[in-house]
Amino acid sequence: MRETKVRTGNESVGVSDMVTRRGQATDASVARLRADAEEGRALARELARAIDDKKGRDIVILDISGQSSFADCFVNATATNTRMLATLSEEVGDILSRKGFDIRGVEGRPESGWVLVDCGDVIVNLFLAEQREKYQIEKIWGDATRIDVDENAE
């Protein structure tokens, strides 16, 4: 039997560890995946609040866990200029470092108008208004559930 690795939270787990021989998910594996998804949503909210504190605009959190195997959430925000875009991406990186999360990758530069920060379960898209309008991430992921930034809302 071939084992496939799945990232759950901060570790990789073999699918065979999470699924019984009959192909049925065990109660423990389902609970773990739900807990990991909630952890991703909590991180997304924290990052969104930090972006808001730094004056990011039009912040949207999308729960893509039902449509995606590569992440649980997108945090999308707009910066008013390239300097702010750099500041927001640095703030996201600082928070992730303080919390012990690995940054899997950073794509783009402030001068391009779009910076993507991939931290595994959460992907942060920081845009200038023109680029956000051009790529329309919220429209592409229109089936995704929007998450309120407030912790008690969902």
Protein backbone atom coordinates (compact mmCIF):
# COMPACT_ATOMS: atom_id res chain seq x y z
CA MET A 1 0.00 0.00 0.00
CA ARG A 2 1.38 3.38 -1.01
CA GLU A 3 1.45 6.05 1.69
CA THR A 4 0.71 9.63 0.83
CA LYS A 5 1.80 12.45 3.12
CA VAL A 6 -0.72 15.13 4.06
CA ARG A 7 0.17 18.33 5.91
CA THR A 8 -1.97 18.75 8.98
CA GLY A 9 -1.11 21.73 11.13
CA ASN A 10 2.64 21.82 11.71
CA GLU A 11 3.39 18.20 10.81
CA SER A 12 3.04 15.73 7.97
CA VAL A 13 0.98 12.62 8.59
CA GLY A 14 0.62 9.57 6.42
CA VAL A 15 -2.86 9.12 5.02
CA SER A 16 -2.72 5.50 6.15
CA ASP A 17 -2.37 6.84 9.72
CA MET A 18 -5.66 8.70 9.30
CA VAL A 19 -7.79 6.19 7.36
CA THR A 20 -8.80 2.65 8.22
CA ARG A 21 -8.29 -0.31 5.88
CA ARG A 22 -11.87 -0.02 4.66
CA GLY A 23 -11.22 3.53 3.51
CA GLN A 24 -13.33 5.07 6.26
CA ALA A 25 -11.92 8.06 8.09
CA THR A 26 -11.47 7.34 11.77
CA ASP A 27 -13.17 9.60 14.30
CA ALA A 28 -9.76 10.72 15.55
CA SER A 29 -8.55 11.61 12.06
CA VAL A 30 -11.68 13.63 11.29
CA ALA A 31 -11.39 15.46 14.62
CA ARG A 32 -7.74 16.21 13.93
CA LEU A 33 -8.45 17.60 10.47
CA ARG A 34 -11.24 19.79 11.87
CA ALA A 35 -8.94 21.06 14.62
CA ASP A 36 -6.23 21.84 12.05
CA ALA A 37 -8.72 23.73 9.89
CA GLU A 38 -9.84 25.76 12.92
CA GLU A 39 -6.19 26.49 13.72
CA GLY A 40 -5.77 27.77 10.16
CA ARG A 41 -8.85 29.99 10.50
CA ALA A 42 -7.54 31.38 13.81
CA LEU A 43 -4.19 32.20 12.20
CA ALA A 44 -5.97 33.83 9.25
CA ARG A 45 -7.96 36.03 11.65
CA GLU A 46 -4.82 37.02 13.54
CA LEU A 47 -3.03 37.95 10.33
CA ALA A 48 -6.07 39.89 9.10
CA ARG A 49 -6.23 41.88 12.35
CA ALA A 50 -2.51 42.68 12.07
CA ILE A 51 -2.97 43.83 8.48
CA ASP A 52 -5.87 46.00 9.62
CA ASP A 53 -3.72 47.49 12.40
CA LYS A 54 -1.17 48.47 9.74
CA LYS A 55 -3.93 50.18 7.71
CA GLY A 56 -4.47 47.49 5.11
CA ARG A 57 -7.83 47.86 3.33
CA ASP A 58 -10.63 45.65 2.07
CA ILE A 59 -9.49 42.64 4.10
CA VAL A 60 -11.25 39.41 3.18
CA ILE A 61 -10.68 35.96 4.64
CA LEU A 62 -11.82 33.07 2.45
CA ASP A 63 -12.18 29.53 3.78
CA ILE A 64 -11.06 27.44 0.82
CA SER A 65 -10.68 24.17 2.74
CA GLY A 66 -13.68 22.65 0.94
CA GLN A 67 -12.33 23.53 -2.50
CA SER A 68 -8.57 23.18 -2.03
CA SER A 69 -6.05 20.60 -0.94
CA PHE A 70 -3.18 23.09 -0.67
CA ALA A 71 -4.49 25.52 1.97
CA ASP A 72 -7.38 26.21 4.32
CA CYS A 73 -7.66 29.99 3.98
CA PHE A 74 -6.76 33.00 1.92
CA VAL A 75 -6.30 36.38 3.54
CA ASN A 76 -6.62 39.06 0.86
CA ALA A 77 -5.93 42.73 1.48
CA THR A 78 -5.16 45.94 -0.38
CA ALA A 79 -2.34 48.38 0.30
CA THR A 80 -2.47 52.00 -0.85
CA ASN A 81 1.12 52.08 -2.15
CA THR A 82 4.24 49.94 -2.59
CA ARG A 83 5.76 51.06 0.71
CA MET A 84 2.65 49.90 2.57
CA LEU A 85 2.69 46.64 0.60
CA ALA A 86 6.25 46.02 1.81
CA THR A 87 5.27 46.91 5.39
CA LEU A 88 2.28 44.56 5.35
CA SER A 89 4.31 41.65 3.98
CA GLU A 90 7.02 42.23 6.59
CA GLU A 91 4.40 42.30 9.36
CA VAL A 92 2.94 39.01 8.17
CA GLY A 93 6.43 37.48 8.11
CA ASP A 94 7.22 38.81 11.60
CA ILE A 95 4.01 37.35 13.07
CA LEU A 96 4.61 33.98 11.46
CA SER A 97 8.20 33.91 12.76
CA ARG A 98 7.14 34.83 16.30
CA LYS A 99 4.52 32.09 16.28
CA GLY A 100 6.98 29.50 14.95
CA PHE A 101 5.36 29.00 11.56
CA ASP A 102 7.52 28.36 8.53
CA ILE A 103 7.06 30.58 5.53
CA ARG A 104 6.93 28.19 2.60
CA GLY A 105 7.44 30.90 0.08
CA VAL A 106 7.02 34.53 -0.86
CA GLU A 107 6.09 35.36 -4.42
CA GLY A 108 6.12 38.79 -6.01
CA ARG A 109 7.58 42.09 -4.90
CA PRO A 110 5.92 45.28 -3.74
CA GLU A 111 6.85 46.94 -7.04
CA SER A 112 4.80 44.32 -8.91
CA GLY A 113 1.66 45.23 -6.97
CA TRP A 114 1.09 41.73 -5.55
CA VAL A 115 2.92 39.88 -2.79
CA LEU A 116 1.85 36.35 -1.87
CA VAL A 117 3.02 34.86 1.44
CA ASP A 118 2.52 31.08 1.68
CA CYS A 119 2.56 29.74 5.22
CA GLY A 120 0.97 26.40 4.44
CA ASP A 121 -2.57 26.37 5.77
CA VAL A 122 -2.97 30.11 5.15
CA ILE A 123 -1.99 32.05 2.05
CA VAL A 124 -1.83 35.84 2.32
CA ASN A 125 -2.37 37.87 -0.86
CA LEU A 126 -1.40 41.53 -0.54
CA PHE A 127 -2.28 43.74 -3.49
CA LEU A 128 -2.27 47.24 -4.80
CA ALA A 129 -5.84 48.11 -5.87
CA GLU A 130 -5.11 47.81 -9.60
CA GLN A 131 -3.67 44.29 -9.27
CA ARG A 132 -6.45 43.13 -6.96
CA GLU A 133 -9.03 44.28 -9.48
CA LYS A 134 -7.12 42.61 -12.31
CA TYR A 135 -6.80 39.17 -10.67
CA GLN A 136 -10.14 39.06 -8.80
CA ILE A 137 -9.20 36.31 -6.36
CA GLU A 138 -12.52 36.61 -4.51
CA LYS A 139 -14.41 36.06 -7.77
CA ILE A 140 -12.30 33.07 -8.77
CA TRP A 141 -12.91 31.50 -5.35
CA GLY A 142 -16.56 32.61 -5.30
CA ASP A 143 -17.73 29.33 -3.73
CA ALA A 144 -15.49 29.83 -0.71
CA THR A 145 -17.00 30.85 2.61
CA ARG A 146 -16.07 34.29 3.89
CA ILE A 147 -14.85 34.34 7.47
CA ASP A 148 -15.39 37.27 9.79
CA VAL A 149 -12.22 38.66 11.28
CA ASP A 150 -13.82 38.68 14.75
CA GLU A 151 -12.89 35.55 16.64
CA ASN A 152 -16.42 34.77 17.81
CA ALA A 153 -17.95 35.13 14.35
CA GLU A 154 -17.90 32.41 11.79
